[in-house]
């Protein structure tokens, strides 16, 4: 077990010093309301899964958003659609809110888009007993349904009257629109106003929730060499060539940067030769070269994952230094682009997890521990992590996310809705 995660568990055990409480009469009524909507919630999930909403299908994303918007309107939320600039080719986001004066101000985060575009063969919701296959059924239309039906139960009991809740259903989580300063502007503003953020990415079992996520950044290295006949490679005038210089850089990254806790970096594509043309938008390219010609250009594009901004910046400094130590007659440059910030583990997040732990135990669902950040990808809750306490992984359970075998476990969905309904109720008292 890594050191940071072990420390988190020790702190978490210290935080769990509040005795669990019994469910109140009101909470028992909430559970009954949620149980009564079991089949209705599955039907709703089927309806939205059967609408393609790949990130690059703005019409489909908007159509799914409209269905959730109508449902939220019906329970008293004020909804609005936030369009993105046309050149971003993204649908935009659905935001909904109610403004009361009691309890914590909550921000509930989901996303409407999936990784499955219109040309994907995986398009339909197929129910097989307690399991359903479907594009985005678990990641994360199921999580959106958990939010909706938890709130529906509270509304039917008139328990949202004084609550302050904002819902952010993002339309491009799986393929973030650029620039991020525009595509995540409204989410960040909502995070600054919130006391607590709850993320509804898919759950990793009843026993875990996410209090930390690694951030994501892109990087790109370009090297230049002297084009010449291969017989003259290594002499004083020609030097090592672009491909050897790129090999030096990548090997130095592996030897000198690798190994720090929670840090990973990966070169995803490499092209090298006489002429190189790489299309960043399509993540593909063409190369021309010959074995008897010293390569004059090489390009590598990769990704970087980190647990904090400090770790990100320290790593970038190490990579920049390596890139400047060039082989003879070569030059190299490195550029970085930000994608998702890190959601660092904080005491506030641990305290919030302790509250979820108590709710889960009161419901007979067992204790909840922090999930290892190495096992989770980036998510939108990270954009608000600097401004508010938060936990993630409160959505549905399933397997095979981002694959044609994606499933959602229908047997556990209602229990997860119950858990969220009680958690939201207690936080807004």
Protein backbone atom coordinates (compact mmCIF):
# COMPACT_ATOMS: atom_id res chain seq x y z
CA UNK A 1 0.00 0.00 0.00
CA UNK A 2 1.48 3.40 -0.90
CA UNK A 3 2.41 5.89 1.81
CA UNK A 4 -0.06 8.66 1.07
CA UNK A 5 -3.01 6.29 0.87
CA UNK A 6 -2.00 4.68 4.16
CA UNK A 7 -1.90 8.10 5.83
CA UNK A 8 -5.34 8.87 4.45
CA UNK A 9 -6.73 5.72 6.01
CA UNK A 10 -5.19 6.61 9.38
CA UNK A 11 -6.72 10.09 9.26
CA UNK A 12 -10.04 8.66 8.17
CA UNK A 13 -10.11 6.27 11.13
CA UNK A 14 -9.53 9.27 13.41
CA UNK A 15 -12.34 11.23 11.75
CA UNK A 16 -14.80 8.39 12.39
CA UNK A 17 -15.44 9.39 15.97
CA UNK A 18 -19.12 10.24 15.59
CA UNK A 19 -21.57 7.55 16.56
CA UNK A 20 -23.88 6.32 13.85
CA UNK A 21 -27.48 7.35 14.28
CA UNK A 22 -30.67 5.48 13.64
CA UNK A 23 -32.76 6.41 10.63
CA UNK A 24 -35.47 8.91 11.55
CA UNK A 25 -39.12 8.56 10.63
CA UNK A 26 -38.61 11.09 7.85
CA UNK A 27 -35.63 9.16 6.51
CA UNK A 28 -37.63 5.94 6.50
CA UNK A 29 -40.25 7.72 4.40
CA UNK A 30 -37.52 8.86 2.00
CA UNK A 31 -36.40 5.27 1.57
CA UNK A 32 -39.94 4.11 0.88
CA UNK A 33 -40.34 6.81 -1.77
CA UNK A 34 -37.11 5.75 -3.48
CA UNK A 35 -38.06 2.07 -3.39
CA UNK A 36 -41.36 2.87 -5.08
CA UNK A 37 -39.54 4.34 -8.10
CA UNK A 38 -37.30 1.35 -8.82
CA UNK A 39 -38.79 0.35 -12.17
CA UNK A 40 -39.54 3.96 -13.11
CA UNK A 41 -35.88 4.93 -12.65
CA UNK A 42 -34.74 2.00 -14.83
CA UNK A 43 -37.21 3.02 -17.55
CA UNK A 44 -35.88 6.57 -17.38
CA UNK A 45 -32.30 5.30 -17.67
CA UNK A 46 -33.25 3.19 -20.69
CA UNK A 47 -34.83 6.22 -22.34
CA UNK A 48 -31.75 8.43 -22.06
CA UNK A 49 -29.27 5.65 -22.88
CA UNK A 50 -31.09 4.96 -26.15
CA UNK A 51 -30.33 8.52 -27.31
CA UNK A 52 -26.82 8.78 -28.69
CA UNK A 53 -24.99 11.57 -26.90
CA UNK A 54 -21.38 11.18 -27.92
CA UNK A 55 -19.38 14.27 -27.02
CA UNK A 56 -19.16 15.24 -30.70
CA UNK A 57 -22.91 14.85 -31.25
CA UNK A 58 -24.23 18.20 -29.94
CA UNK A 59 -27.82 17.50 -30.99
CA UNK A 60 -27.87 14.20 -29.10
CA UNK A 61 -26.32 15.70 -25.98
CA UNK A 62 -28.87 18.51 -26.06
CA UNK A 63 -31.72 16.02 -26.51
CA UNK A 64 -30.65 14.06 -23.42
CA UNK A 65 -30.27 17.35 -21.56
CA UNK A 66 -33.81 18.36 -22.47
CA UNK A 67 -35.21 15.17 -20.97
CA UNK A 68 -33.41 15.78 -17.68
CA UNK A 69 -34.36 19.45 -17.82
CA UNK A 70 -38.07 18.60 -18.07
CA UNK A 71 -37.79 16.17 -15.17
CA UNK A 72 -36.01 18.74 -13.00
CA UNK A 73 -38.52 21.44 -13.93
CA UNK A 74 -41.24 19.13 -12.64
CA UNK A 75 -39.71 19.03 -9.16
CA UNK A 76 -39.23 22.76 -8.84
CA UNK A 77 -35.72 23.37 -10.14
CA UNK A 78 -34.94 26.38 -12.29
CA UNK A 79 -33.11 25.05 -15.34
CA UNK A 80 -30.97 26.73 -17.97
CA UNK A 81 -28.95 25.55 -20.94
CA UNK A 82 -25.49 27.05 -21.34
CA UNK A 83 -24.36 27.05 -24.98
CA UNK A 84 -20.72 26.82 -26.02
CA UNK A 85 -19.23 28.82 -28.92
CA UNK A 86 -19.99 27.19 -32.26
CA UNK A 87 -16.34 26.68 -33.14
CA UNK A 88 -15.89 24.41 -30.07
CA UNK A 89 -18.29 21.82 -31.53
CA UNK A 90 -19.71 21.02 -28.11
CA UNK A 91 -23.35 21.06 -27.06
CA UNK A 92 -23.02 22.96 -23.80
CA UNK A 93 -24.24 22.17 -20.30
CA UNK A 94 -27.48 21.83 -18.33
CA UNK A 95 -27.54 23.67 -15.00
CA UNK A 96 -30.43 23.54 -12.54
CA UNK A 97 -30.87 25.08 -9.13
CA UNK A 98 -33.07 25.75 -6.14
CA UNK A 99 -32.10 28.37 -3.59
CA UNK A 100 -33.01 27.95 0.05
CA UNK A 101 -31.57 29.21 3.30
CA UNK A 102 -30.89 26.05 5.32
CA UNK A 103 -28.02 23.60 5.42
CA UNK A 104 -25.02 23.38 3.16
CA UNK A 105 -25.03 24.69 -0.39
CA UNK A 106 -24.62 21.60 -2.55
CA UNK A 107 -23.23 21.19 -6.06
CA UNK A 108 -24.18 17.88 -7.71
CA UNK A 109 -22.07 17.02 -10.75
CA UNK A 110 -22.87 14.68 -13.64
CA UNK A 111 -22.33 14.61 -17.40
CA UNK A 112 -24.62 14.02 -20.36
CA UNK A 113 -22.10 12.91 -22.98
CA UNK A 114 -20.54 9.50 -23.61
CA UNK A 115 -17.49 8.20 -25.47
CA UNK A 116 -19.73 6.43 -27.99
CA UNK A 117 -20.26 8.60 -31.08
CA UNK A 118 -22.94 8.24 -33.75
CA UNK A 119 -20.83 5.81 -35.78
CA UNK A 120 -20.39 3.42 -32.85
CA UNK A 121 -22.11 0.01 -33.21
CA UNK A 122 -22.93 0.18 -29.47
CA UNK A 123 -26.12 2.24 -29.31
CA UNK A 124 -28.88 0.55 -27.32
CA UNK A 125 -29.94 -0.31 -23.78
CA UNK A 126 -30.33 -4.08 -23.44
CA UNK A 127 -31.66 -5.44 -20.16
CA UNK A 128 -30.66 -8.92 -19.07
CA UNK A 129 -32.22 -9.64 -15.67
CA UNK A 130 -30.38 -7.50 -13.13
CA UNK A 131 -27.75 -6.27 -15.61
CA UNK A 132 -28.21 -3.81 -18.44
CA UNK A 133 -25.79 -3.16 -21.29
CA UNK A 134 -25.75 0.30 -22.80
CA UNK A 135 -23.49 3.14 -24.00
CA UNK A 136 -22.96 5.42 -21.02
CA UNK A 137 -25.41 3.43 -18.89
CA UNK A 138 -22.90 3.44 -16.05
CA UNK A 139 -20.61 6.30 -17.12
CA UNK A 140 -22.54 8.25 -16.40
CA UNK A 141 -26.18 8.45 -17.32
CA UNK A 142 -26.75 6.09 -14.42
CA UNK A 143 -25.18 8.65 -12.08
CA UNK A 144 -27.44 11.35 -13.46
CA UNK A 145 -30.44 9.14 -12.74
CA UNK A 146 -29.23 8.64 -9.16
CA UNK A 147 -29.21 12.43 -8.73
CA UNK A 148 -32.64 12.89 -10.29
CA UNK A 149 -34.44 10.15 -8.37
CA UNK A 150 -32.86 11.04 -5.05
CA UNK A 151 -34.16 14.59 -5.51
CA UNK A 152 -37.57 13.38 -6.72
CA UNK A 153 -38.04 11.41 -3.49
CA UNK A 154 -37.08 14.42 -1.38
CA UNK A 155 -39.37 16.68 -3.35
CA UNK A 156 -42.38 14.39 -2.95
CA UNK A 157 -41.95 14.69 0.82
CA UNK A 158 -41.56 18.48 0.56
CA UNK A 159 -37.99 18.24 1.85
CA UNK A 160 -36.36 20.49 -0.75
CA UNK A 161 -38.30 23.58 0.31
CA UNK A 162 -35.40 25.28 2.10
CA UNK A 163 -32.48 23.51 0.40
CA UNK A 164 -29.85 25.21 -1.73
CA UNK A 165 -28.78 22.85 -4.52
CA UNK A 166 -27.15 23.37 -7.92
CA UNK A 167 -26.94 20.57 -10.47
CA UNK A 168 -24.30 20.71 -13.21
CA UNK A 169 -24.82 18.22 -16.04
CA UNK A 170 -21.77 18.78 -18.24
CA UNK A 171 -22.03 18.14 -21.97
CA UNK A 172 -18.40 17.41 -22.83
CA UNK A 173 -16.75 15.55 -19.95
CA UNK A 174 -15.50 12.73 -22.16
CA UNK A 175 -13.93 15.13 -24.69
CA UNK A 176 -13.46 18.49 -23.07
CA UNK A 177 -14.06 21.54 -25.24
CA UNK A 178 -11.16 23.94 -25.56
CA UNK A 179 -10.37 26.40 -24.18
CA UNK A 180 -11.14 25.08 -20.71
CA UNK A 181 -11.49 28.66 -19.50
CA UNK A 182 -14.77 28.73 -21.45
CA UNK A 183 -15.97 25.12 -21.25
CA UNK A 184 -15.56 24.94 -17.45
CA UNK A 185 -16.23 28.57 -16.55
CA UNK A 186 -19.76 27.99 -15.24
CA UNK A 187 -18.81 24.86 -13.32
CA UNK A 188 -15.94 26.67 -11.59
CA UNK A 189 -18.22 29.58 -10.67
CA UNK A 190 -20.73 27.14 -9.21
CA UNK A 191 -17.94 25.48 -7.22
CA UNK A 192 -16.91 28.81 -5.72
CA UNK A 193 -20.46 29.32 -4.41
CA UNK A 194 -20.88 25.79 -3.03
CA UNK A 195 -20.05 24.42 0.41
CA UNK A 196 -19.94 20.81 -0.80
CA UNK A 197 -19.57 19.12 -4.19
CA UNK A 198 -20.89 15.61 -4.81
CA UNK A 199 -19.70 13.85 -7.96
CA UNK A 200 -21.74 11.07 -9.52
CA UNK A 201 -19.19 9.23 -11.61
CA UNK A 202 -19.66 5.46 -11.37
CA UNK A 203 -19.22 3.87 -7.96
CA UNK A 204 -16.47 1.39 -7.09
CA UNK A 205 -18.72 -0.69 -4.86
CA UNK A 206 -20.64 0.28 -1.73
CA UNK A 207 -17.44 0.28 0.31
CA UNK A 208 -15.54 3.05 -1.52
CA UNK A 209 -15.87 6.69 -2.49
CA UNK A 210 -13.39 9.05 -4.07
CA UNK A 211 -11.80 11.88 -2.09
CA UNK A 212 -8.83 12.41 -4.46
CA UNK A 213 -8.34 12.30 -8.22
CA UNK A 214 -5.21 12.80 -10.20
CA UNK A 215 -5.04 15.66 -12.66
CA UNK A 216 -4.29 15.24 -16.37
CA UNK A 217 -1.98 17.20 -18.63
CA UNK A 218 -0.71 16.72 -22.16
CA UNK A 219 2.88 17.11 -23.34
CA UNK A 220 4.61 17.17 -26.70
CA UNK A 221 8.31 16.87 -27.55
CA UNK A 222 9.80 17.83 -30.93
CA UNK A 223 13.37 17.14 -31.92
CA UNK A 224 15.36 18.39 -34.89
CA UNK A 225 18.48 16.90 -36.48
CA UNK A 226 20.64 17.44 -39.53
CA UNK A 227 19.35 15.68 -42.63
CA UNK A 228 22.16 13.79 -44.28
CA UNK A 229 23.24 10.47 -45.74
CA UNK A 230 23.31 7.85 -42.99
CA UNK A 231 26.99 7.13 -43.63
CA UNK A 232 27.85 10.48 -42.05
CA UNK A 233 25.81 10.06 -38.86
CA UNK A 234 27.74 10.80 -35.64
CA UNK A 235 30.39 12.98 -37.33
CA UNK A 236 30.93 16.54 -36.14
CA UNK A 237 28.80 18.13 -38.85
CA UNK A 238 25.78 15.74 -38.77
CA UNK A 239 25.63 14.55 -35.18
CA UNK A 240 23.04 12.12 -33.82
CA UNK A 241 19.86 12.91 -35.74
CA UNK A 242 16.34 13.64 -34.47
CA UNK A 243 15.35 10.07 -33.63
CA UNK A 244 18.38 9.34 -31.46
CA UNK A 245 17.76 12.64 -29.65
CA UNK A 246 14.15 11.66 -29.06
CA UNK A 247 15.27 8.27 -27.80
CA UNK A 248 17.64 9.96 -25.34
CA UNK A 249 14.87 12.19 -24.02
CA UNK A 250 12.33 9.39 -23.56
CA UNK A 251 14.88 7.13 -21.89
CA UNK A 252 15.88 9.97 -19.54
CA UNK A 253 12.23 10.56 -18.67
CA UNK A 254 11.97 6.87 -17.80
CA UNK A 255 15.18 6.78 -15.77
CA UNK A 256 15.07 10.18 -14.03
CA UNK A 257 11.41 11.23 -13.71
CA UNK A 258 9.61 7.93 -13.20
CA UNK A 259 8.91 6.57 -9.72
CA UNK A 260 7.36 9.38 -7.71
CA UNK A 261 4.19 8.40 -5.82
CA UNK A 262 0.98 8.97 -7.84
CA UNK A 263 2.96 10.28 -10.82
CA UNK A 264 2.62 8.63 -14.22
CA UNK A 265 3.43 9.82 -17.72
CA UNK A 266 2.98 8.06 -21.02
CA UNK A 267 4.21 8.71 -24.57
CA UNK A 268 1.15 7.86 -26.65
CA UNK A 269 2.35 8.51 -30.22
CA UNK A 270 5.74 8.82 -31.89
CA UNK A 271 6.68 9.80 -35.43
CA UNK A 272 10.17 10.38 -36.83
CA UNK A 273 11.92 10.66 -40.18
CA UNK A 274 12.71 13.11 -42.94
CA UNK A 275 9.27 14.68 -43.07
CA UNK A 276 6.65 14.42 -40.29
CA UNK A 277 3.07 15.64 -40.29
CA UNK A 278 1.02 15.04 -37.13
CA UNK A 279 -2.61 16.19 -36.80
CA UNK A 280 -3.29 16.88 -33.11
CA UNK A 281 -7.09 17.00 -33.53
CA UNK A 282 -7.24 13.60 -35.20
CA UNK A 283 -4.31 12.13 -33.22
CA UNK A 284 -2.86 10.70 -36.42
CA UNK A 285 -0.12 11.59 -38.85
CA UNK A 286 2.16 10.71 -41.76
CA UNK A 287 5.91 10.22 -41.92
CA UNK A 288 8.43 9.86 -44.75
CA UNK A 289 11.97 8.66 -44.23
CA UNK A 290 14.56 6.14 -45.32
CA UNK A 291 16.99 3.91 -43.49
CA UNK A 292 19.91 5.56 -45.32
CA UNK A 293 18.89 9.11 -44.36
CA UNK A 294 19.53 10.68 -40.94
CA UNK A 295 16.19 11.72 -39.48
CA UNK A 296 15.68 15.47 -39.30
CA UNK A 297 12.47 15.53 -37.21
CA UNK A 298 10.67 13.50 -34.55
CA UNK A 299 7.50 14.18 -32.57
CA UNK A 300 6.11 12.48 -29.45
CA UNK A 301 2.79 13.32 -27.81
CA UNK A 302 1.95 12.04 -24.36
CA UNK A 303 -0.03 12.42 -21.15
CA UNK A 304 0.88 13.21 -17.54
CA UNK A 305 -1.08 12.30 -14.38
CA UNK A 306 -0.40 13.95 -11.01
CA UNK A 307 -1.91 14.24 -7.51
CA UNK A 308 -1.19 17.95 -6.96
CA UNK A 309 -0.26 21.12 -8.82
CA UNK A 310 3.08 21.07 -7.02
CA UNK A 311 3.83 17.58 -8.32
CA UNK A 312 2.79 18.64 -11.83
CA UNK A 313 5.07 21.69 -11.88
CA UNK A 314 8.04 19.83 -10.38
CA UNK A 315 7.68 17.12 -13.00
CA UNK A 316 7.45 19.62 -15.82
CA UNK A 317 10.66 21.28 -14.59
CA UNK A 318 12.49 17.94 -14.64
CA UNK A 319 11.24 17.18 -18.15
CA UNK A 320 12.24 20.63 -19.44
CA UNK A 321 15.77 20.22 -18.06
CA UNK A 322 16.19 16.84 -19.76
CA UNK A 323 15.01 18.24 -23.09
CA UNK A 324 17.76 20.91 -23.07
CA UNK A 325 20.67 18.44 -22.72
CA UNK A 326 20.91 17.75 -26.44
CA UNK A 327 22.99 15.27 -28.38
CA UNK A 328 25.42 16.74 -30.96
CA UNK A 329 23.81 18.79 -33.75
CA UNK A 330 20.27 18.34 -32.42
CA UNK A 331 17.73 20.60 -30.81
CA UNK A 332 14.60 19.78 -28.84
CA UNK A 333 11.58 21.53 -27.36
CA UNK A 334 8.75 20.49 -25.05
CA UNK A 335 5.31 22.03 -24.61
CA UNK A 336 2.55 21.28 -22.11
CA UNK A 337 -1.19 21.78 -22.15
CA UNK A 338 -3.48 21.63 -19.13
CA UNK A 339 -6.57 19.46 -19.13
CA UNK A 340 -7.87 18.44 -15.69
CA UNK A 341 -6.51 19.78 -12.39
CA UNK A 342 -5.91 17.44 -9.48
CA UNK A 343 -8.43 16.85 -6.72
CA UNK A 344 -6.13 16.67 -3.73
CA UNK A 345 -7.02 14.64 -0.62
CA UNK A 346 -8.02 17.09 2.12
CA UNK A 347 -9.30 16.88 5.66
CA UNK A 348 -12.55 18.48 4.48
CA UNK A 349 -13.03 15.70 1.93
CA UNK A 350 -12.32 13.10 4.62
CA UNK A 351 -14.87 14.69 6.95
CA UNK A 352 -17.46 14.57 4.18
CA UNK A 353 -16.61 10.93 3.52
CA UNK A 354 -17.20 10.25 7.21
CA UNK A 355 -20.75 11.56 6.82
CA UNK A 356 -21.32 9.28 3.85
CA UNK A 357 -19.88 6.42 5.90
CA UNK A 358 -22.46 7.03 8.64
CA UNK A 359 -25.31 7.19 6.13
CA UNK A 360 -24.16 3.95 4.53
CA UNK A 361 -23.92 2.16 7.88
CA UNK A 362 -27.32 3.47 8.96
CA UNK A 363 -28.76 1.99 5.77
CA UNK A 364 -27.07 -1.34 6.43
CA UNK A 365 -24.82 -0.92 3.39
CA UNK A 366 -21.54 -1.12 5.31
CA UNK A 367 -18.71 1.34 5.83
CA UNK A 368 -17.16 3.52 3.12
CA UNK A 369 -13.41 3.99 2.68
CA UNK A 370 -11.36 6.33 0.46
CA UNK A 371 -10.66 4.88 -2.99
CA UNK A 372 -7.07 4.76 -4.23
CA UNK A 373 -6.49 7.71 -6.62
CA UNK A 374 -4.27 5.53 -8.84
CA UNK A 375 -7.37 3.57 -9.82
CA UNK A 376 -9.49 6.54 -10.98
CA UNK A 377 -9.20 8.82 -13.96
CA UNK A 378 -9.83 12.55 -14.18
CA UNK A 379 -13.32 13.98 -13.64
CA UNK A 380 -15.13 17.32 -13.54
CA UNK A 381 -15.23 17.51 -9.74
CA UNK A 382 -11.51 18.34 -9.93
CA UNK A 383 -12.33 21.76 -11.40
CA UNK A 384 -14.04 22.79 -8.16
CA UNK A 385 -11.77 20.95 -5.72
CA UNK A 386 -9.79 24.10 -4.86
CA UNK A 387 -12.95 25.89 -3.75
CA UNK A 388 -15.07 23.38 -1.86
CA UNK A 389 -15.01 20.04 -0.06
CA UNK A 390 -16.10 17.12 -2.18
CA UNK A 391 -16.43 13.40 -2.78
CA UNK A 392 -17.01 11.48 -6.00
CA UNK A 393 -17.96 8.00 -7.10
CA UNK A 394 -21.57 8.27 -5.91
CA UNK A 395 -23.13 7.01 -9.14
CA UNK A 396 -24.18 3.55 -10.27
CA UNK A 397 -22.17 0.34 -10.25
CA UNK A 398 -21.20 -1.59 -13.32
CA UNK A 399 -18.34 -2.82 -15.46
CA UNK A 400 -16.68 -2.21 -18.80
CA UNK A 401 -16.95 1.58 -18.95
CA UNK A 402 -15.83 3.04 -22.30
CA UNK A 403 -16.15 -0.36 -23.98
CA UNK A 404 -18.94 -2.06 -25.97
CA UNK A 405 -19.45 -4.27 -22.89
CA UNK A 406 -20.38 -1.42 -20.56
CA UNK A 407 -22.94 -2.55 -17.98
CA UNK A 408 -24.92 -1.10 -15.12
CA UNK A 409 -26.02 -3.18 -12.13
CA UNK A 410 -29.77 -2.58 -11.80
CA UNK A 411 -30.01 -4.46 -8.49
CA UNK A 412 -27.82 -1.93 -6.70
CA UNK A 413 -29.11 1.25 -8.35
CA UNK A 414 -32.06 1.80 -6.01
CA UNK A 415 -29.91 1.30 -2.93
CA UNK A 416 -27.47 3.90 -4.23
CA UNK A 417 -30.33 6.32 -4.83
CA UNK A 418 -31.46 5.74 -1.24
CA UNK A 419 -27.97 6.49 0.02
CA UNK A 420 -27.74 9.75 -1.94
CA UNK A 421 -31.21 10.84 -0.90
CA UNK A 422 -30.39 10.42 2.79
CA UNK A 423 -26.99 12.08 2.39
CA UNK A 424 -28.48 15.09 0.59
CA UNK A 425 -31.26 15.31 3.18
CA UNK A 426 -28.80 15.36 6.08
CA UNK A 427 -26.46 17.86 4.40
CA UNK A 428 -29.29 20.28 3.68
CA UNK A 429 -30.81 20.25 7.18
